[in-house]
Protein backbone atom coordinates (compact mmCIF):
# COMPACT_ATOMS: atom_id res chain seq x y z
CA MET A 1 -0.08 0.01 0.26
CA THR A 2 3.11 2.43 0.81
CA ALA A 3 4.63 1.46 -2.29
CA SER A 4 1.19 2.21 -4.30
CA ARG A 5 0.76 5.73 -2.60
CA SER A 6 4.47 6.82 -3.13
CA ALA A 7 3.92 6.13 -6.69
CA ARG A 8 0.94 8.53 -7.21
CA PRO A 9 1.62 11.55 -9.08
CA THR A 10 2.35 14.69 -6.83
CA PRO A 11 0.58 17.90 -7.48
CA GLY A 12 3.54 19.19 -8.96
CA ARG A 13 3.62 16.15 -11.54
CA TYR A 14 0.07 17.18 -12.78
CA ILE A 15 1.44 20.68 -13.11
CA LYS A 16 4.31 19.78 -15.02
CA ASP A 17 2.05 17.48 -17.50
CA ILE A 18 -0.57 20.12 -18.17
CA LEU A 19 2.42 22.76 -18.90
CA ALA A 20 4.11 20.41 -21.09
CA GLN A 21 0.83 20.15 -23.15
CA ALA A 22 -0.41 23.75 -22.74
CA TRP A 23 2.45 25.69 -24.15
CA PRO A 24 2.05 24.30 -27.73
CA VAL A 25 -1.42 24.84 -27.37
CA LEU A 26 -0.60 28.35 -26.29
CA VAL A 27 1.70 29.10 -29.03
CA SER A 28 -0.72 27.73 -31.71
CA SER A 29 -3.63 29.79 -30.09
CA TRP A 30 -1.82 33.09 -30.09
CA ALA A 31 -0.58 32.25 -33.63
CA SER A 32 -4.13 32.22 -34.62
CA VAL A 33 -5.05 35.19 -32.89
CA ILE A 34 -2.11 37.19 -34.00
CA PHE A 35 -4.09 36.86 -37.39
CA GLY A 36 -6.47 39.33 -35.94
CA VAL A 37 -3.99 41.45 -34.44
CA ILE A 38 -2.10 41.70 -37.94
CA ASP A 39 -5.37 42.63 -39.43
CA THR A 40 -6.07 45.26 -36.87
CA ALA A 41 -2.51 46.90 -36.98
CA MET A 42 -2.29 46.89 -40.72
CA ALA A 43 -5.77 48.08 -41.58
CA GLY A 44 -5.33 50.74 -38.79
CA HIS A 45 -2.38 51.82 -41.11
CA ALA A 46 -4.32 51.99 -44.19
CA SER A 47 -7.33 54.32 -42.98
CA ALA A 48 -9.63 54.90 -40.10
CA ALA A 49 -12.51 53.53 -42.64
CA ASP A 50 -10.73 50.05 -43.15
CA LEU A 51 -10.15 49.82 -39.58
CA GLN A 52 -13.78 50.29 -38.71
CA ALA A 53 -14.71 48.01 -41.86
CA MET A 54 -12.34 45.26 -40.51
CA ALA A 55 -13.46 45.48 -36.90
CA LEU A 56 -17.21 45.14 -37.76
CA GLY A 57 -16.49 42.34 -40.36
CA ALA A 58 -14.15 40.59 -37.96
CA SER A 59 -16.57 40.75 -35.13
CA ILE A 60 -19.47 39.08 -37.81
CA TYR A 61 -16.90 36.45 -38.84
CA ILE A 62 -15.47 35.67 -35.25
CA THR A 63 -19.08 35.16 -34.06
CA VAL A 64 -19.93 32.64 -36.78
CA PHE A 65 -16.46 31.00 -36.90
CA VAL A 66 -16.16 30.34 -33.15
CA GLY A 67 -19.80 28.96 -32.63
CA LEU A 68 -19.18 26.69 -35.29
CA MET A 69 -15.69 25.91 -34.08
CA GLY A 70 -17.22 24.91 -30.55
CA VAL A 71 -19.21 22.22 -32.33
CA VAL A 72 -16.36 20.72 -34.05
CA HIS A 73 -14.60 20.73 -30.59
CA ALA A 74 -16.81 18.30 -29.27
CA LEU A 75 -14.08 15.95 -30.97
CA ILE A 76 -11.72 16.79 -28.20
CA PRO A 77 -13.19 14.95 -25.33
CA ILE A 78 -14.60 12.25 -27.72
CA ILE A 79 -11.27 11.36 -28.91
CA ALA A 80 -9.44 11.98 -25.63
CA GLN A 81 -11.70 9.60 -23.64
CA HIS A 82 -11.10 6.97 -26.68
CA PHE A 83 -7.31 7.52 -26.40
CA GLY A 84 -7.30 7.29 -22.67
CA ALA A 85 -9.30 4.00 -23.06
CA GLY A 86 -6.89 2.70 -25.44
CA ARG A 87 -9.55 2.53 -28.43
CA HIS A 88 -7.04 3.80 -31.18
CA ALA A 89 -9.36 2.75 -34.05
CA GLU A 90 -12.13 4.76 -32.70
CA VAL A 91 -9.98 7.87 -32.76
CA GLY A 92 -9.21 7.91 -36.44
CA GLU A 93 -13.06 7.04 -37.02
CA ALA A 94 -14.19 9.97 -34.91
CA TRP A 95 -11.76 12.14 -36.58
CA GLY A 96 -13.27 11.36 -39.99
CA GLN A 97 -16.79 12.09 -38.87
CA GLY A 98 -15.70 15.39 -37.32
CA VAL A 99 -14.50 16.46 -41.07
CA TRP A 100 -17.80 15.49 -42.44
CA LEU A 101 -19.50 17.66 -39.94
CA SER A 102 -17.08 20.74 -40.66
CA MET A 103 -18.13 20.48 -44.32
CA GLY A 104 -21.71 20.78 -43.69
CA LEU A 105 -21.09 23.57 -40.72
CA SER A 106 -19.20 25.63 -43.36
CA LEU A 107 -22.41 26.09 -45.51
CA VAL A 108 -24.38 27.11 -42.39
CA GLY A 109 -21.48 29.75 -41.73
CA ALA A 110 -21.46 30.83 -45.37
CA ALA A 111 -25.22 31.66 -45.22
CA ALA A 112 -24.90 33.82 -41.80
CA MET A 113 -22.13 35.87 -43.67
CA LEU A 114 -23.39 36.30 -47.03
CA PHE A 115 -26.05 39.06 -45.69
CA PRO A 116 -24.10 41.55 -43.63
CA ASP A 117 -26.71 44.21 -43.75
CA ILE A 118 -28.61 41.80 -40.99
CA TRP A 119 -25.71 42.24 -38.75
CA LEU A 120 -25.00 45.90 -39.45
CA GLN A 121 -28.48 47.14 -38.53
CA PHE A 122 -27.40 46.98 -35.09
CA SER A 123 -24.71 49.41 -35.75
CA GLY A 124 -27.08 52.26 -36.77
CA ASP A 125 -25.56 54.60 -39.58
CA VAL A 126 -22.48 52.96 -41.19
CA ALA A 127 -20.55 54.94 -43.79
CA PRO A 128 -21.01 53.58 -47.29
CA GLU A 129 -17.29 52.91 -47.55
CA VAL A 130 -17.28 51.18 -44.48
CA ARG A 131 -20.46 48.90 -45.24
CA SER A 132 -18.74 48.01 -48.54
CA GLY A 133 -15.62 47.00 -46.94
CA VAL A 134 -17.22 44.85 -44.59
CA THR A 135 -19.20 43.15 -47.54
CA TRP A 136 -16.24 42.26 -49.14
CA TYR A 137 -14.20 41.42 -46.18
CA LEU A 138 -17.03 38.68 -45.24
CA ARG A 139 -17.28 37.45 -48.81
CA ALA A 140 -13.49 36.66 -49.04
CA LEU A 141 -13.72 34.65 -45.67
CA ILE A 142 -16.66 32.48 -47.00
CA LEU A 143 -13.78 30.84 -49.01
CA ALA A 144 -11.77 30.40 -46.03
CA LEU A 145 -14.57 28.74 -43.82
CA PRO A 146 -14.19 25.27 -45.00
CA ALA A 147 -10.49 25.23 -44.61
CA THR A 148 -10.37 26.89 -41.22
CA LEU A 149 -13.30 24.54 -40.01
CA ALA A 150 -11.50 21.42 -41.65
CA PHE A 151 -8.41 22.45 -39.89
CA ARG A 152 -9.85 22.60 -36.44
CA CYS A 153 -10.50 18.59 -36.66
CA ILE A 154 -6.69 18.23 -37.09
CA TYR A 155 -6.27 20.57 -34.14
CA ALA A 156 -8.91 18.69 -32.04
CA MET A 157 -7.10 15.24 -32.76
CA GLY A 158 -3.58 16.41 -32.03
CA THR A 159 -4.78 18.13 -28.86
CA ALA A 160 -6.82 15.12 -27.65
CA VAL A 161 -3.95 12.42 -28.20
CA SER A 162 -1.34 14.89 -26.69
CA ARG A 163 0.30 15.72 -29.98
CA PRO A 164 -0.23 19.57 -30.14
CA LYS A 165 3.17 20.65 -31.77
CA THR A 166 1.83 19.53 -35.30
CA VAL A 167 -0.75 22.20 -35.43
CA MET A 168 1.85 24.78 -33.48
CA ALA A 169 4.29 24.43 -36.23
CA ILE A 170 1.66 25.13 -38.91
CA ASN A 171 0.07 28.09 -37.25
CA LEU A 172 3.49 29.60 -36.50
CA ALA A 173 4.52 29.31 -40.36
CA SER A 174 1.12 30.65 -41.17
CA VAL A 175 1.60 33.94 -39.44
CA ALA A 176 4.52 34.70 -41.90
CA PHE A 177 2.37 33.91 -44.86
CA LYS A 178 -0.19 36.12 -43.52
CA ILE A 179 1.81 38.90 -43.07
CA VAL A 180 3.15 38.69 -46.69
CA PHE A 181 -0.11 38.39 -48.33
CA ASN A 182 -1.86 41.11 -46.19
CA TRP A 183 0.91 43.40 -47.30
CA ILE A 184 0.47 42.39 -50.82
CA PHE A 185 -3.52 42.80 -50.59
CA ILE A 186 -4.29 45.38 -48.18
CA PHE A 187 -1.84 47.91 -49.53
CA GLY A 188 -1.96 46.79 -53.28
CA LYS A 189 1.68 45.55 -53.93
CA PHE A 190 3.29 43.74 -56.83
CA GLY A 191 0.60 45.35 -59.26
CA MET A 192 -2.48 44.47 -57.04
CA PRO A 193 -5.00 46.85 -56.20
CA ALA A 194 -5.09 48.08 -52.52
CA LEU A 195 -8.00 46.23 -51.18
CA GLY A 196 -7.99 47.42 -47.62
CA ALA A 197 -9.99 45.27 -45.14
CA ALA A 198 -11.11 43.17 -48.13
CA GLY A 199 -7.42 42.27 -48.73
CA ALA A 200 -7.35 41.04 -45.12
CA GLY A 201 -10.05 38.61 -45.97
CA LEU A 202 -8.46 37.24 -49.18
CA SER A 203 -5.12 36.83 -47.40
CA THR A 204 -6.84 34.79 -44.81
CA ALA A 205 -8.58 32.59 -47.09
CA ILE A 206 -5.36 31.50 -49.02
CA VAL A 207 -3.53 31.02 -45.79
CA GLY A 208 -6.52 28.67 -44.57
CA TRP A 209 -6.28 26.40 -47.40
CA LEU A 210 -2.63 26.24 -47.33
CA SER A 211 -2.74 25.39 -43.57
CA LEU A 212 -5.14 22.53 -44.10
CA ALA A 213 -2.91 21.21 -47.03
CA ALA A 214 -0.13 21.04 -44.48
CA GLY A 215 -2.05 19.67 -41.66
CA LEU A 216 -3.56 16.81 -43.89
CA TRP A 217 -0.04 16.09 -45.09
CA ALA A 218 1.32 15.98 -41.53
CA ILE A 219 -1.14 13.43 -40.12
CA SER A 220 -0.82 11.08 -43.10
CA HIS A 221 3.10 11.08 -42.87
CA ASP A 222 3.68 11.18 -38.87
CA SER A 223 4.24 7.61 -37.59
CA TYR A 224 2.26 8.83 -34.51
CA TYR A 225 -0.87 9.04 -36.26
CA GLN A 226 -0.72 5.79 -37.97
CA ARG A 227 -1.84 3.95 -34.95
CA PHE A 228 -5.33 5.81 -35.40
CA ARG A 229 -5.67 5.27 -38.97
CA PRO A 230 -7.22 8.57 -39.79
CA ARG A 231 -9.59 8.22 -42.39
CA LEU A 232 -12.50 10.25 -43.80
CA GLY A 233 -14.87 6.97 -44.03
CA ARG A 234 -18.48 7.28 -44.84
CA LEU A 235 -20.88 9.40 -43.28
CA GLN A 236 -22.29 7.98 -40.20
CA TRP A 237 -25.49 9.57 -38.96
CA ILE A 238 -25.30 7.74 -35.42
CA ARG A 239 -21.77 9.13 -35.11
CA GLN A 240 -23.03 12.84 -36.38
CA LYS A 241 -25.51 12.42 -33.66
CA GLU A 242 -23.10 11.86 -30.96
CA LEU A 243 -21.08 14.90 -32.24
CA LEU A 244 -24.00 17.13 -32.40
CA LEU A 245 -25.51 16.33 -29.00
CA LEU A 246 -22.16 17.37 -27.40
CA GLY A 247 -21.08 19.82 -29.97
CA ILE A 248 -24.34 21.96 -30.24
CA PRO A 249 -24.52 22.80 -26.65
CA MET A 250 -20.54 23.39 -26.82
CA GLY A 251 -20.94 25.44 -29.82
CA GLY A 252 -23.45 27.52 -27.84
CA SER A 253 -21.31 28.41 -25.21
CA TYR A 254 -18.51 29.30 -27.30
CA LEU A 255 -21.21 31.44 -29.13
CA ILE A 256 -22.30 33.07 -25.78
CA GLU A 257 -18.87 33.98 -24.89
CA VAL A 258 -18.08 35.61 -28.33
CA CYS A 259 -21.24 37.29 -28.61
CA ALA A 260 -20.54 39.89 -26.45
CA PHE A 261 -17.70 40.96 -28.33
CA THR A 262 -19.87 40.84 -31.56
CA PHE A 263 -22.87 42.82 -30.50
CA MET A 264 -20.68 45.18 -28.17
CA ALA A 265 -18.55 46.28 -31.64
CA LEU A 266 -21.99 46.71 -33.16
CA LEU A 267 -23.57 48.84 -30.63
CA VAL A 268 -20.19 50.73 -29.77
CA ALA A 269 -20.33 51.70 -33.61
CA ARG A 270 -22.96 54.21 -32.81
CA GLU A 271 -20.31 56.35 -30.56
CA GLY A 272 -18.36 57.05 -33.74
CA MET A 273 -15.45 55.71 -35.72
CA TYR A 274 -12.65 56.55 -32.93
CA VAL A 275 -14.54 55.01 -30.26
CA ASN A 276 -15.08 51.83 -32.49
CA GLY A 277 -11.57 51.67 -33.13
CA GLY A 278 -10.48 52.12 -29.55
CA HIS A 279 -12.98 49.21 -28.71
CA GLN A 280 -11.39 47.15 -31.33
CA ILE A 281 -7.99 47.48 -29.86
CA MET A 282 -9.51 46.53 -26.48
CA ALA A 283 -11.19 43.46 -27.86
CA SER A 284 -8.26 42.41 -29.71
CA LEU A 285 -6.14 42.50 -26.46
CA ALA A 286 -8.81 40.62 -24.42
CA ALA A 287 -8.72 37.98 -27.05
CA LEU A 288 -5.09 37.98 -26.82
CA SER A 289 -5.11 37.53 -23.25
CA TYR A 290 -7.52 34.91 -23.20
CA MET A 291 -5.17 32.75 -24.87
CA VAL A 292 -3.28 31.58 -21.74
CA PRO A 293 -6.38 30.41 -19.69
CA MET A 294 -7.64 28.73 -22.84
CA ALA A 295 -4.39 26.98 -23.64
CA VAL A 296 -4.20 25.54 -20.02
CA GLY A 297 -8.08 24.75 -20.28
CA ILE A 298 -7.83 22.64 -23.55
CA ALA A 299 -4.44 20.92 -22.10
CA SER A 300 -6.25 20.29 -18.61
CA ALA A 301 -9.57 19.05 -20.33
CA SER A 302 -7.60 17.00 -22.50
CA LEU A 303 -5.77 15.06 -19.83
CA THR A 304 -8.77 14.99 -17.76
CA ALA A 305 -11.07 13.23 -20.40
CA GLN A 306 -7.97 10.89 -21.00
CA ALA A 307 -8.00 9.98 -17.49
CA ILE A 308 -11.87 9.60 -17.34
CA GLY A 309 -11.46 7.34 -20.34
CA ALA A 310 -9.13 5.30 -18.22
CA GLY A 311 -11.79 5.21 -15.54
CA ASP A 312 -9.33 6.98 -13.13
CA MET A 313 -11.73 9.75 -11.59
CA ARG A 314 -9.41 10.63 -8.80
CA ARG A 315 -6.76 11.55 -11.52
CA ALA A 316 -9.29 13.42 -13.32
CA ARG A 317 -10.09 15.52 -10.50
CA ASN A 318 -6.55 16.13 -9.41
CA MET A 319 -5.69 17.14 -13.25
CA GLY A 320 -8.49 19.78 -12.81
CA ARG A 321 -7.36 21.25 -9.60
CA ALA A 322 -3.86 21.80 -11.22
CA GLY A 323 -5.37 23.44 -14.34
CA ILE A 324 -7.35 25.77 -12.03
CA ALA A 325 -4.06 26.62 -10.14
CA ILE A 326 -2.41 27.69 -13.20
CA VAL A 327 -4.74 29.59 -14.52
CA ALA A 328 -5.53 31.72 -11.63
CA ALA A 329 -1.58 32.68 -11.36
CA GLY A 330 -1.53 33.30 -15.19
CA ALA A 331 -4.43 35.48 -14.77
CA LEU A 332 -2.67 37.61 -12.03
CA VAL A 333 0.45 37.83 -14.18
CA THR A 334 -1.37 38.86 -17.41
CA ALA A 335 -3.33 41.60 -15.52
CA SER A 336 -0.26 42.96 -14.23
CA ILE A 337 1.38 43.29 -17.75
CA LEU A 338 -1.80 44.87 -18.89
CA ILE A 339 -1.62 47.65 -16.45
CA ILE A 340 2.31 48.09 -16.52
CA ALA A 341 2.78 47.88 -20.58
CA ARG A 342 -0.38 49.99 -21.44
CA GLN A 343 1.46 52.57 -23.46
CA PRO A 344 3.81 50.32 -25.42
CA ILE A 345 1.02 47.95 -26.23
CA LEU A 346 -1.44 50.96 -27.70
CA ALA A 347 1.79 52.41 -29.65
CA PHE A 348 1.88 49.16 -31.55
CA TYR A 349 -1.76 49.13 -32.50
CA THR A 350 -2.19 52.66 -33.77
CA ASP A 351 -0.80 55.88 -34.40
CA ASP A 352 -3.92 57.65 -34.57
CA LEU A 353 -4.04 59.91 -31.25
CA GLN A 354 -7.96 59.97 -30.72
CA VAL A 355 -8.18 56.01 -31.20
CA SER A 356 -5.25 55.64 -28.84
CA LEU A 357 -7.05 57.89 -26.27
CA VAL A 358 -10.33 55.94 -26.32
CA ALA A 359 -8.41 52.65 -25.97
CA ALA A 360 -6.09 53.66 -23.05
CA ALA A 361 -9.16 54.92 -21.11
CA LEU A 362 -11.01 51.31 -21.79
CA MET A 363 -7.88 49.48 -21.06
CA GLN A 364 -8.36 50.47 -17.23
CA LEU A 365 -11.12 47.97 -17.03
CA LEU A 366 -9.24 45.15 -18.80
CA PRO A 367 -7.39 43.60 -16.01
CA TRP A 368 -10.59 43.09 -14.34
CA PHE A 369 -12.21 41.61 -17.32
CA HIS A 370 -9.41 39.19 -17.83
CA LEU A 371 -9.59 37.96 -14.50
CA GLY A 372 -13.41 36.83 -14.98
CA ASP A 373 -12.58 35.49 -18.34
CA ALA A 374 -9.61 33.45 -17.26
CA MET A 375 -11.69 31.68 -14.43
CA GLN A 376 -14.66 30.83 -16.42
CA CYS A 377 -12.78 29.72 -19.17
CA ILE A 378 -10.97 27.09 -17.06
CA SER A 379 -14.13 25.87 -15.40
CA SER A 380 -16.08 25.49 -18.86
CA TYR A 381 -13.21 23.42 -20.34
CA LEU A 382 -13.15 20.98 -17.36
CA LEU A 383 -16.71 20.63 -17.55
CA ARG A 384 -16.62 19.49 -21.22
CA ALA A 385 -14.06 16.90 -20.49
CA TYR A 386 -16.77 15.33 -18.69
CA LYS A 387 -19.09 15.74 -21.64
CA VAL A 388 -21.10 18.20 -19.71
CA ALA A 389 -22.31 20.85 -21.71
CA VAL A 390 -25.90 21.74 -21.55
CA VAL A 391 -26.05 23.01 -18.03
CA PRO A 392 -23.02 25.25 -18.49
CA LEU A 393 -24.51 26.66 -21.46
CA ILE A 394 -27.80 27.40 -19.61
CA LEU A 395 -25.43 29.34 -16.85
CA GLN A 396 -23.76 31.04 -19.37
CA VAL A 397 -26.67 32.52 -21.10
CA VAL A 398 -28.03 33.79 -17.75
CA ALA A 399 -24.62 35.54 -16.80
CA LEU A 400 -23.09 36.37 -20.17
CA THR A 401 -25.82 37.15 -22.06
CA GLY A 402 -28.48 38.14 -19.44
CA LEU A 403 -26.16 40.08 -17.00
CA GLY A 404 -23.18 40.76 -19.30
CA LEU A 405 -24.66 41.64 -22.80
CA VAL A 406 -28.52 42.57 -22.21
CA GLY A 407 -27.64 44.45 -18.89
CA GLY A 408 -24.60 46.41 -20.78
CA TRP A 409 -27.06 47.34 -23.90
CA TRP A 410 -29.70 48.46 -21.21
CA LEU A 411 -27.45 50.40 -19.15
CA GLY A 412 -25.16 51.77 -21.84
CA PHE A 413 -27.45 52.16 -24.96
CA GLY A 414 -31.04 51.34 -23.98
CA PRO A 415 -33.56 52.65 -21.93
CA ALA A 416 -31.39 53.36 -18.64
CA ALA A 417 -28.42 54.72 -20.80
CA GLY A 418 -26.02 56.62 -18.57
CA THR A 419 -27.02 55.11 -15.26
CA LEU A 420 -23.69 53.88 -14.38
CA ALA A 421 -21.78 56.83 -15.89
CA PRO A 422 -20.37 57.55 -12.35
CA VAL A 423 -19.06 54.19 -11.77
CA VAL A 424 -17.53 54.18 -15.44
CA HIS A 425 -15.85 57.38 -14.63
CA ALA A 426 -14.50 56.05 -11.28
CA MET A 427 -13.00 52.95 -12.53
CA ALA A 428 -12.30 54.06 -16.18
CA PRO A 429 -11.62 58.12 -16.43
CA GLY A 430 -12.13 59.18 -19.88
CA ALA A 431 -13.94 56.08 -21.43
CA PRO A 432 -16.93 56.72 -23.55
CA ILE A 433 -19.96 55.96 -21.55
CA GLY A 434 -21.55 53.64 -23.71
CA ALA A 435 -18.63 51.45 -24.59
CA GLY A 436 -17.39 51.89 -20.67
CA THR A 437 -20.68 50.44 -19.55
CA MET A 438 -20.76 47.57 -21.70
CA TRP A 439 -17.25 46.68 -20.65
CA LEU A 440 -18.01 47.08 -17.29
CA MET A 441 -21.20 44.87 -17.39
CA ALA A 442 -19.31 42.15 -19.45
CA THR A 443 -16.91 41.99 -16.45
CA LEU A 444 -19.48 41.46 -14.04
CA GLY A 445 -21.27 38.73 -16.09
CA LEU A 446 -17.80 36.73 -16.40
CA SER A 447 -17.62 36.82 -12.87
CA LEU A 448 -21.04 35.56 -12.24
CA SER A 449 -20.57 32.94 -14.79
CA SER A 450 -17.38 31.55 -13.26
CA ILE A 451 -19.11 31.41 -9.71
CA LEU A 452 -21.72 29.39 -11.18
CA LEU A 453 -19.83 27.23 -13.41
CA PHE A 454 -17.33 26.14 -10.59
CA GLY A 455 -20.35 25.49 -8.59
CA TRP A 456 -21.52 22.96 -11.06
CA TYR A 457 -18.32 21.65 -11.74
CA GLY A 458 -17.65 20.69 -7.99
CA HIS A 459 -21.09 18.66 -8.32
CA VAL A 460 -20.08 17.01 -11.48
CA VAL A 461 -16.76 15.82 -9.73
CA ARG A 462 -18.22 14.68 -6.50
CA THR A 463 -20.90 12.92 -8.40
CA LYS A 464 -18.27 11.20 -10.48
CA ILE A 465 -15.98 10.09 -7.72
CA GLY A 466 -19.17 8.90 -5.70
CA ALA A 467 -20.18 6.68 -8.45
CA GLY A 468 -16.59 5.13 -9.01
CA ARG A 469 -16.73 4.47 -5.25
CA ARG A 470 -19.81 2.73 -5.15
CA ARG A 471 -18.80 0.51 -8.29
CA ALA A 472 -15.48 -0.27 -6.33
CA ASN A 473 -17.18 -0.97 -3.20
CA SER A 474 -19.77 -3.30 -5.11
CA ARG A 475 -16.83 -5.28 -6.46
CA GLY A 476 -15.22 -5.53 -3.20
CA GLN A 477 -12.17 -3.41 -4.36
CA THR A 478 -10.45 -0.71 -2.40
CA PRO A 479 -11.17 2.77 -4.12
CA ALA A 480 -8.15 4.83 -4.89
CA ALA A 481 -7.51 7.66 -2.46
């Protein structure tokens, strides 16, 4: 018994395992988010109109893509549990069904982006040149959608089987191609017309298909993946049903999380081009900061799901605890950096003084926003490891949509507009009241979401461990401590 106890992993071992898988996921995620940072920075140096068109178009695309990506990411806990249980053939089959699903979802996404005027009605009067830029930006991204969603299947499998470096390498290489193609199409180089925001969309489409080709080549030539026999196979409706039953609420949770950014951008556009530009910088920084807890959350959830597949609920619980500790520490470090390095960060994003002043004022709220965002992120990912997605979706609707988004609109632009002006002035002096109120209420919504999700996560873990203990007792075995 003593030897058995001494052989159990220590908390430091769990942390080391998570970090070993999280850092490639983090680098890969940062590379993906850098696409948006590059677009924002380069469009901002093209013109204020291009920056606003890119901001509005990107908010629409991200809403559509992230919601659909969330459905595809149902593959992560499914494949991870197969992998933990040693069902290697099931891993390859599940991957192929995910590819089929991604193709169907790309049609749904294309339909949602084809008519941008439906989205722009929330933004009030939008200048004709901005509206045109949004339209062409989204049309270019429709071409990218099948490739980017199919690539998420490769990402899901690599993450679930603890092989994230393949996608990391591809994403890092894609950043270099993105910069080059942006430079050519946004500013009109080598005889190409200067397309502005639309050029950013076109470069994303080209890089998306190149990344997919590289990913398919990698999994077909890497011996590590051969044990899973990744294959497309024939469409199986029973497998699609499994993916959708988990994926739809997961996609809904992803969508709820990102909708705040989308509708905030659409509403904040009412306060003018410069406020919208400042808000876009704020949103880009929030997304970039989110990558740290997201990477740790994905790694923690993958390793937790592998433990669940192996039937080791104690290890699953301890892995979750380690992930929570890492995210809490990382969130404090990130918040500190956002406070200390505010001016150099803004200098990178824009050379427009008015946009910079708005962003600087709003950034006073960003550390608080990030702390709530980080903690609700890790709790939601750990719940997905247990294939629990419906209740978290309901809780996030209440907190993020009800309190955060609807509350932000009501108090920022709706019937009670201006009510929180004294609070906004106190916490973020100089911030526009509408945009400041939206960010403040979003912060409160994230805080409530994290509290509710952690409560439900604790209930799920206790239930699973209790069920395992009862099974062990019924078999006359001694449950692991």
